Amino acid sequence: MTALCTALPDQLRLLLVDDHRIFLDGLSLALAPLCPNLQVHTAQDAAAAEACLSQHDFDLILLDLRLPDVAGLELLQRWQQQGRMTPVAILSASDSNLDAQAALAAGALGFIPKSANSEELRQAVTRVLLGETLPIATAKPPLTPRQQEILLLLADGLPNKAISRHLGLSEDTVKTHLKALFQELDVHTRTACVSAARQRGWL
């Protein structure tokens, strides 16, 4: 951990905004090694977060998307309109690329999934504290290389016969792969398959 901390100041003040108390406690513990004098403030809703911001200046806010009183993105947009300069990173259980893109468009410097382990979390927070904007991690499709090839050709509008010729497969094999794709994406048509794959960032 020492190498991670050397670029950060000895003293930092973070605000963690999430409506789950146990998650806030775990997050505070995970972030503790960031620097020797880390002050962590927590808020379980937007009103408490606003109260904290009226009392202190923070180096970083980690904000959940789903709060009981105001949506996280709406709160972030409000802060942007107020001209608040405190960096904000979204910490969310969502793995949606659309949510991540919306967060960055609203002014967040990063979108950190709650599935991240402690080391990944500290690395992401360190990068944001050092002024980086975290790139959106594209979700890796749980598909075979062949299914990915077929998905790309499907997105190009090719019918089964053309896909089978292009890949040197029988039409029955192409249909089998398409059936697996439809099941994976929970869709029933070719158009819906392509649309759902795009939403997940697979295309």
C-alpha atoms as a PDB file:
ATOM      1  CA  MET A   1       0.000   0.000   0.000  1.00  0.00           C
ATOM      2  CA  THR A   2       2.893   2.393   0.629  1.00  0.00           C
ATOM      3  CA  ALA A   3       3.497   3.001  -3.065  1.00  0.00           C
ATOM      4  CA  LEU A   4      -0.130   3.929  -3.521  1.00  0.00           C
ATOM      5  CA  CYS A   5      -0.097   6.525  -0.746  1.00  0.00           C
ATOM      6  CA  THR A   6       3.117   8.375  -1.587  1.00  0.00           C
ATOM      7  CA  ALA A   7       1.477  10.606  -4.212  1.00  0.00           C
ATOM      8  CA  LEU A   8      -1.369  11.628  -1.882  1.00  0.00           C
ATOM      9  CA  PRO A   9      -1.154  14.234   0.908  1.00  0.00           C
ATOM     10  CA  ASP A  10      -0.894  13.060   4.526  1.00  0.00           C
ATOM     11  CA  GLN A  11      -4.326  14.453   5.321  1.00  0.00           C
ATOM     12  CA  LEU A  12      -7.545  13.918   3.367  1.00  0.00           C
ATOM     13  CA  ARG A  13     -11.230  14.451   4.098  1.00  0.00           C
ATOM     14  CA  LEU A  14     -13.728  12.243   2.257  1.00  0.00           C
ATOM     15  CA  LEU A  15     -17.525  12.231   2.251  1.00  0.00           C
ATOM     16  CA  LEU A  16     -19.213   8.869   1.628  1.00  0.00           C
ATOM     17  CA  VAL A  17     -22.904   9.053   0.692  1.00  0.00           C
ATOM     18  CA  ASP A  18     -24.843   5.775   0.736  1.00  0.00           C
ATOM     19  CA  ASP A  19     -28.049   4.663   2.436  1.00  0.00           C
ATOM     20  CA  HIS A  20     -26.596   1.373   3.735  1.00  0.00           C
ATOM     21  CA  ARG A  21     -24.870   1.848   7.098  1.00  0.00           C
ATOM     22  CA  ILE A  22     -22.995  -1.460   6.952  1.00  0.00           C
ATOM     23  CA  PHE A  23     -21.643  -0.614   3.493  1.00  0.00           C
ATOM     24  CA  LEU A  24     -20.446   2.791   4.741  1.00  0.00           C
ATOM     25  CA  ASP A  25     -18.623   1.090   7.629  1.00  0.00           C
ATOM     26  CA  GLY A  26     -16.918  -1.372   5.290  1.00  0.00           C
ATOM     27  CA  LEU A  27     -16.034   1.390   2.835  1.00  0.00           C
ATOM     28  CA  SER A  28     -14.473   3.476   5.605  1.00  0.00           C
ATOM     29  CA  LEU A  29     -12.299   0.521   6.629  1.00  0.00           C
ATOM     30  CA  ALA A  30     -11.274  -0.203   3.042  1.00  0.00           C
ATOM     31  CA  LEU A  31     -10.209   3.408   2.479  1.00  0.00           C
ATOM     32  CA  ALA A  32      -8.355   3.794   5.815  1.00  0.00           C
ATOM     33  CA  PRO A  33      -4.880   2.930   4.361  1.00  0.00           C
ATOM     34  CA  LEU A  34      -5.075   5.782   1.806  1.00  0.00           C
ATOM     35  CA  CYS A  35      -3.146   8.230   4.007  1.00  0.00           C
ATOM     36  CA  PRO A  36      -2.039   8.628   7.650  1.00  0.00           C
ATOM     37  CA  ASN A  37      -4.656  11.256   8.581  1.00  0.00           C
ATOM     38  CA  LEU A  38      -7.777  10.251   6.713  1.00  0.00           C
ATOM     39  CA  GLN A  39     -11.028  11.798   7.915  1.00  0.00           C
ATOM     40  CA  VAL A  40     -14.111   9.995   6.656  1.00  0.00           C
ATOM     41  CA  HIS A  41     -17.564  11.570   7.013  1.00  0.00           C
ATOM     42  CA  THR A  42     -20.662   9.590   6.077  1.00  0.00           C
ATOM     43  CA  ALA A  43     -24.212  10.502   5.050  1.00  0.00           C
ATOM     44  CA  GLN A  44     -27.124   8.155   4.389  1.00  0.00           C
ATOM     45  CA  ASP A  45     -29.203  10.511   2.261  1.00  0.00           C
ATOM     46  CA  ALA A  46     -28.939  13.700   0.215  1.00  0.00           C
ATOM     47  CA  ALA A  47     -30.093  15.951   3.081  1.00  0.00           C
ATOM     48  CA  ALA A  48     -27.339  14.663   5.388  1.00  0.00           C
ATOM     49  CA  ALA A  49     -24.781  15.046   2.580  1.00  0.00           C
ATOM     50  CA  GLU A  50     -25.814  18.670   2.032  1.00  0.00           C
ATOM     51  CA  ALA A  51     -25.512  19.313   5.777  1.00  0.00           C
ATOM     52  CA  CYS A  52     -21.958  17.891   5.778  1.00  0.00           C
ATOM     53  CA  LEU A  53     -21.011  20.046   2.787  1.00  0.00           C
ATOM     54  CA  SER A  54     -22.255  23.168   4.550  1.00  0.00           C
ATOM     55  CA  GLN A  55     -19.889  22.454   7.450  1.00  0.00           C
ATOM     56  CA  HIS A  56     -16.719  21.124   5.800  1.00  0.00           C
ATOM     57  CA  ASP A  57     -14.658  21.179   2.638  1.00  0.00           C
ATOM     58  CA  PHE A  58     -13.943  17.737   1.195  1.00  0.00           C
ATOM     59  CA  ASP A  59     -11.223  16.390  -1.078  1.00  0.00           C
ATOM     60  CA  LEU A  60     -13.612  13.858  -2.630  1.00  0.00           C
ATOM     61  CA  ILE A  61     -17.241  12.740  -2.441  1.00  0.00           C
ATOM     62  CA  LEU A  62     -18.127   9.101  -3.116  1.00  0.00           C
ATOM     63  CA  LEU A  63     -21.811   9.125  -4.059  1.00  0.00           C
ATOM     64  CA  ASP A  64     -24.281   6.269  -4.471  1.00  0.00           C
ATOM     65  CA  LEU A  65     -26.733   6.508  -7.393  1.00  0.00           C
ATOM     66  CA  ARG A  66     -29.743   5.390  -5.365  1.00  0.00           C
ATOM     67  CA  LEU A  67     -30.541   7.446  -2.279  1.00  0.00           C
ATOM     68  CA  PRO A  68     -33.854   7.450  -0.380  1.00  0.00           C
ATOM     69  CA  ASP A  69     -34.645  11.157  -0.846  1.00  0.00           C
ATOM     70  CA  VAL A  70     -32.940  12.365  -4.055  1.00  0.00           C
ATOM     71  CA  ALA A  71     -31.398  10.340  -6.912  1.00  0.00           C
ATOM     72  CA  GLY A  72     -27.601  10.464  -6.883  1.00  0.00           C
ATOM     73  CA  LEU A  73     -27.376  11.870 -10.419  1.00  0.00           C
ATOM     74  CA  GLU A  74     -29.900  14.585  -9.610  1.00  0.00           C
ATOM     75  CA  LEU A  75     -27.876  15.534  -6.530  1.00  0.00           C
ATOM     76  CA  LEU A  76     -24.668  15.621  -8.565  1.00  0.00           C
ATOM     77  CA  GLN A  77     -26.294  17.841 -11.184  1.00  0.00           C
ATOM     78  CA  ARG A  78     -27.529  20.172  -8.428  1.00  0.00           C
ATOM     79  CA  TRP A  79     -23.987  20.494  -7.066  1.00  0.00           C
ATOM     80  CA  GLN A  80     -22.669  21.226 -10.554  1.00  0.00           C
ATOM     81  CA  GLN A  81     -25.263  23.978 -11.021  1.00  0.00           C
ATOM     82  CA  GLN A  82     -24.264  25.457  -7.664  1.00  0.00           C
ATOM     83  CA  GLY A  83     -20.671  25.618  -8.896  1.00  0.00           C
ATOM     84  CA  ARG A  84     -19.431  23.221  -6.221  1.00  0.00           C
ATOM     85  CA  MET A  85     -15.870  22.246  -7.113  1.00  0.00           C
ATOM     86  CA  THR A  86     -15.494  19.162  -4.881  1.00  0.00           C
ATOM     87  CA  PRO A  87     -14.602  16.127  -7.054  1.00  0.00           C
ATOM     88  CA  VAL A  88     -17.298  13.441  -7.095  1.00  0.00           C
ATOM     89  CA  ALA A  89     -17.018   9.760  -8.006  1.00  0.00           C
ATOM     90  CA  ILE A  90     -20.080   7.533  -8.269  1.00  0.00           C
ATOM     91  CA  LEU A  91     -19.972   4.284  -6.315  1.00  0.00           C
ATOM     92  CA  SER A  92     -22.777   2.025  -7.450  1.00  0.00           C
ATOM     93  CA  ALA A  93     -24.076  -1.535  -7.471  1.00  0.00           C
ATOM     94  CA  SER A  94     -25.088  -0.924 -11.100  1.00  0.00           C
ATOM     95  CA  ASP A  95     -22.848  -2.408 -13.796  1.00  0.00           C
ATOM     96  CA  SER A  96     -24.680  -0.568 -16.565  1.00  0.00           C
ATOM     97  CA  ASN A  97     -22.568   1.340 -19.079  1.00  0.00           C
ATOM     98  CA  LEU A  98     -25.525   3.686 -19.544  1.00  0.00           C
ATOM     99  CA  ASP A  99     -25.463   4.584 -15.824  1.00  0.00           C
ATOM    100  CA  ALA A 100     -21.702   5.130 -16.028  1.00  0.00           C
ATOM    101  CA  GLN A 101     -22.010   7.358 -19.090  1.00  0.00           C
ATOM    102  CA  ALA A 102     -24.821   9.363 -17.448  1.00  0.00           C
ATOM    103  CA  ALA A 103     -22.688   9.843 -14.321  1.00  0.00           C
ATOM    104  CA  LEU A 104     -19.715  11.152 -16.300  1.00  0.00           C
ATOM    105  CA  ALA A 105     -22.003  13.382 -18.372  1.00  0.00           C
ATOM    106  CA  ALA A 106     -23.382  14.820 -15.118  1.00  0.00           C
ATOM    107  CA  GLY A 107     -19.884  15.744 -13.970  1.00  0.00           C
ATOM    108  CA  ALA A 108     -18.605  12.736 -12.023  1.00  0.00           C
ATOM    109  CA  LEU A 109     -14.896  11.958 -12.356  1.00  0.00           C
ATOM    110  CA  GLY A 110     -15.408   8.237 -12.195  1.00  0.00           C
ATOM    111  CA  PHE A 111     -17.841   5.363 -11.831  1.00  0.00           C
ATOM    112  CA  ILE A 112     -16.653   2.714  -9.376  1.00  0.00           C
ATOM    113  CA  PRO A 113     -18.622  -0.543  -9.123  1.00  0.00           C
ATOM    114  CA  LYS A 114     -19.436  -1.776  -5.616  1.00  0.00           C
ATOM    115  CA  SER A 115     -18.165  -5.157  -6.759  1.00  0.00           C
ATOM    116  CA  ALA A 116     -14.590  -3.754  -6.682  1.00  0.00           C
ATOM    117  CA  ASN A 117     -12.336  -5.265  -4.024  1.00  0.00           C
ATOM    118  CA  SER A 118     -10.545  -3.078  -1.456  1.00  0.00           C
ATOM    119  CA  GLU A 119      -7.376  -2.719  -3.513  1.00  0.00           C
ATOM    120  CA  GLU A 120      -9.270  -1.804  -6.703  1.00  0.00           C
ATOM    121  CA  LEU A 121     -11.355   0.697  -4.732  1.00  0.00           C
ATOM    122  CA  ARG A 122      -8.274   2.395  -3.231  1.00  0.00           C
ATOM    123  CA  GLN A 123      -6.584   2.555  -6.633  1.00  0.00           C
ATOM    124  CA  ALA A 124      -9.672   4.121  -8.238  1.00  0.00           C
ATOM    125  CA  VAL A 125     -10.076   6.662  -5.405  1.00  0.00           C
ATOM    126  CA  THR A 126      -6.364   7.515  -5.550  1.00  0.00           C
ATOM    127  CA  ARG A 127      -6.569   8.190  -9.284  1.00  0.00           C
ATOM    128  CA  VAL A 128      -9.564  10.492  -8.836  1.00  0.00           C
ATOM    129  CA  LEU A 129      -7.856  12.318  -5.947  1.00  0.00           C
ATOM    130  CA  LEU A 130      -4.847  12.865  -8.206  1.00  0.00           C
ATOM    131  CA  GLY A 131      -7.115  14.536 -10.773  1.00  0.00           C
ATOM    132  CA  GLU A 132      -7.743  11.690 -13.214  1.00  0.00           C
ATOM    133  CA  THR A 133     -11.095  10.914 -14.774  1.00  0.00           C
ATOM    134  CA  LEU A 134     -11.636   7.164 -14.632  1.00  0.00           C
ATOM    135  CA  PRO A 135     -12.492   5.597 -17.996  1.00  0.00           C
ATOM    136  CA  ILE A 136     -15.697   3.600 -18.194  1.00  0.00           C
ATOM    137  CA  ALA A 137     -14.892  -0.072 -17.902  1.00  0.00           C
ATOM    138  CA  THR A 138     -16.627  -1.893 -20.731  1.00  0.00           C
ATOM    139  CA  ALA A 139     -18.411  -4.945 -19.448  1.00  0.00           C
ATOM    140  CA  LYS A 140     -16.845  -8.078 -20.880  1.00  0.00           C
ATOM    141  CA  PRO A 141     -19.515 -10.169 -22.559  1.00  0.00           C
ATOM    142  CA  PRO A 142     -19.770 -13.725 -21.202  1.00  0.00           C
ATOM    143  CA  LEU A 143     -19.712 -15.009 -24.783  1.00  0.00           C
ATOM    144  CA  THR A 144     -17.498 -17.372 -26.718  1.00  0.00           C
ATOM    145  CA  PRO A 145     -15.294 -15.839 -29.437  1.00  0.00           C
ATOM    146  CA  ARG A 146     -17.603 -17.437 -32.035  1.00  0.00           C
ATOM    147  CA  GLN A 147     -20.702 -15.891 -30.454  1.00  0.00           C
ATOM    148  CA  GLN A 148     -18.991 -12.493 -30.460  1.00  0.00           C
ATOM    149  CA  GLU A 149     -18.219 -12.902 -34.192  1.00  0.00           C
ATOM    150  CA  ILE A 150     -21.853 -13.789 -34.901  1.00  0.00           C
ATOM    151  CA  LEU A 151     -23.086 -10.854 -32.793  1.00  0.00           C
ATOM    152  CA  LEU A 152     -20.937  -8.433 -34.812  1.00  0.00           C
ATOM    153  CA  LEU A 153     -22.258  -9.796 -38.109  1.00  0.00           C
ATOM    154  CA  LEU A 154     -25.803  -9.699 -36.738  1.00  0.00           C
ATOM    155  CA  ALA A 155     -25.281  -6.026 -35.898  1.00  0.00           C
ATOM    156  CA  ASP A 156     -24.185  -5.479 -39.514  1.00  0.00           C
ATOM    157  CA  GLY A 157     -27.605  -6.767 -40.589  1.00  0.00           C
ATOM    158  CA  LEU A 158     -26.440 -10.046 -42.142  1.00  0.00           C
ATOM    159  CA  PRO A 159     -29.012 -12.871 -42.404  1.00  0.00           C
ATOM    160  CA  ASN A 160     -28.200 -16.361 -41.103  1.00  0.00           C
ATOM    161  CA  LYS A 161     -27.182 -17.635 -44.559  1.00  0.00           C
ATOM    162  CA  ALA A 162     -24.669 -14.828 -45.042  1.00  0.00           C
ATOM    163  CA  ILE A 163     -23.299 -15.288 -41.504  1.00  0.00           C
ATOM    164  CA  SER A 164     -22.848 -19.017 -42.094  1.00  0.00           C
ATOM    165  CA  ARG A 165     -21.011 -18.359 -45.398  1.00  0.00           C
ATOM    166  CA  HIS A 166     -18.844 -15.654 -43.840  1.00  0.00           C
ATOM    167  CA  LEU A 167     -17.758 -17.859 -40.923  1.00  0.00           C
ATOM    168  CA  GLY A 168     -17.746 -21.187 -42.749  1.00  0.00           C
ATOM    169  CA  LEU A 169     -20.430 -22.644 -40.488  1.00  0.00           C
ATOM    170  CA  SER A 170     -23.655 -24.473 -41.188  1.00  0.00           C
ATOM    171  CA  GLU A 171     -26.880 -22.490 -40.812  1.00  0.00           C
ATOM    172  CA  ASP A 172     -27.924 -24.839 -37.999  1.00  0.00           C
ATOM    173  CA  THR A 173     -24.754 -23.965 -36.065  1.00  0.00           C
ATOM    174  CA  VAL A 174     -25.408 -20.253 -36.551  1.00  0.00           C
ATOM    175  CA  LYS A 175     -28.980 -20.753 -35.288  1.00  0.00           C
ATOM    176  CA  THR A 176     -27.670 -22.582 -32.209  1.00  0.00           C
ATOM    177  CA  HIS A 177     -25.300 -19.710 -31.404  1.00  0.00           C
ATOM    178  CA  LEU A 178     -28.071 -17.163 -31.967  1.00  0.00           C
ATOM    179  CA  LYS A 179     -30.365 -19.074 -29.620  1.00  0.00           C
ATOM    180  CA  ALA A 180     -27.648 -18.920 -26.933  1.00  0.00           C
ATOM    181  CA  LEU A 181     -27.224 -15.165 -27.532  1.00  0.00           C
ATOM    182  CA  PHE A 182     -30.974 -14.583 -27.262  1.00  0.00           C
ATOM    183  CA  GLN A 183     -31.078 -16.514 -23.977  1.00  0.00           C
ATOM    184  CA  GLU A 184     -28.061 -14.651 -22.562  1.00  0.00           C
ATOM    185  CA  LEU A 185     -29.624 -11.271 -23.389  1.00  0.00           C
ATOM    186  CA  ASP A 186     -33.202 -12.361 -22.591  1.00  0.00           C
ATOM    187  CA  VAL A 187     -34.530 -11.262 -26.000  1.00  0.00           C
ATOM    188  CA  HIS A 188     -36.618 -12.859 -28.756  1.00  0.00           C
ATOM    189  CA  THR A 189     -35.714 -10.967 -31.943  1.00  0.00           C
ATOM    190  CA  ARG A 190     -32.541 -10.123 -33.840  1.00  0.00           C
ATOM    191  CA  THR A 191     -33.160  -6.371 -33.480  1.00  0.00           C
ATOM    192  CA  ALA A 192     -33.673  -6.676 -29.714  1.00  0.00           C
ATOM    193  CA  CYS A 193     -30.516  -8.794 -29.482  1.00  0.00           C
ATOM    194  CA  VAL A 194     -28.387  -6.088 -31.128  1.00  0.00           C
ATOM    195  CA  SER A 195     -30.047  -3.357 -29.046  1.00  0.00           C
ATOM    196  CA  ALA A 196     -29.485  -5.203 -25.760  1.00  0.00           C
ATOM    197  CA  ALA A 197     -25.864  -5.956 -26.660  1.00  0.00           C
ATOM    198  CA  ARG A 198     -25.275  -2.256 -27.386  1.00  0.00           C
ATOM    199  CA  GLN A 199     -26.830  -1.265 -24.038  1.00  0.00           C
ATOM    200  CA  ARG A 200     -24.403  -3.581 -22.270  1.00  0.00           C
ATOM    201  CA  GLY A 201     -21.469  -2.104 -24.158  1.00  0.00           C
ATOM    202  CA  TRP A 202     -20.746  -5.342 -26.078  1.00  0.00           C
ATOM    203  CA  LEU A 203     -20.920  -3.602 -29.463  1.00  0.00           C
END
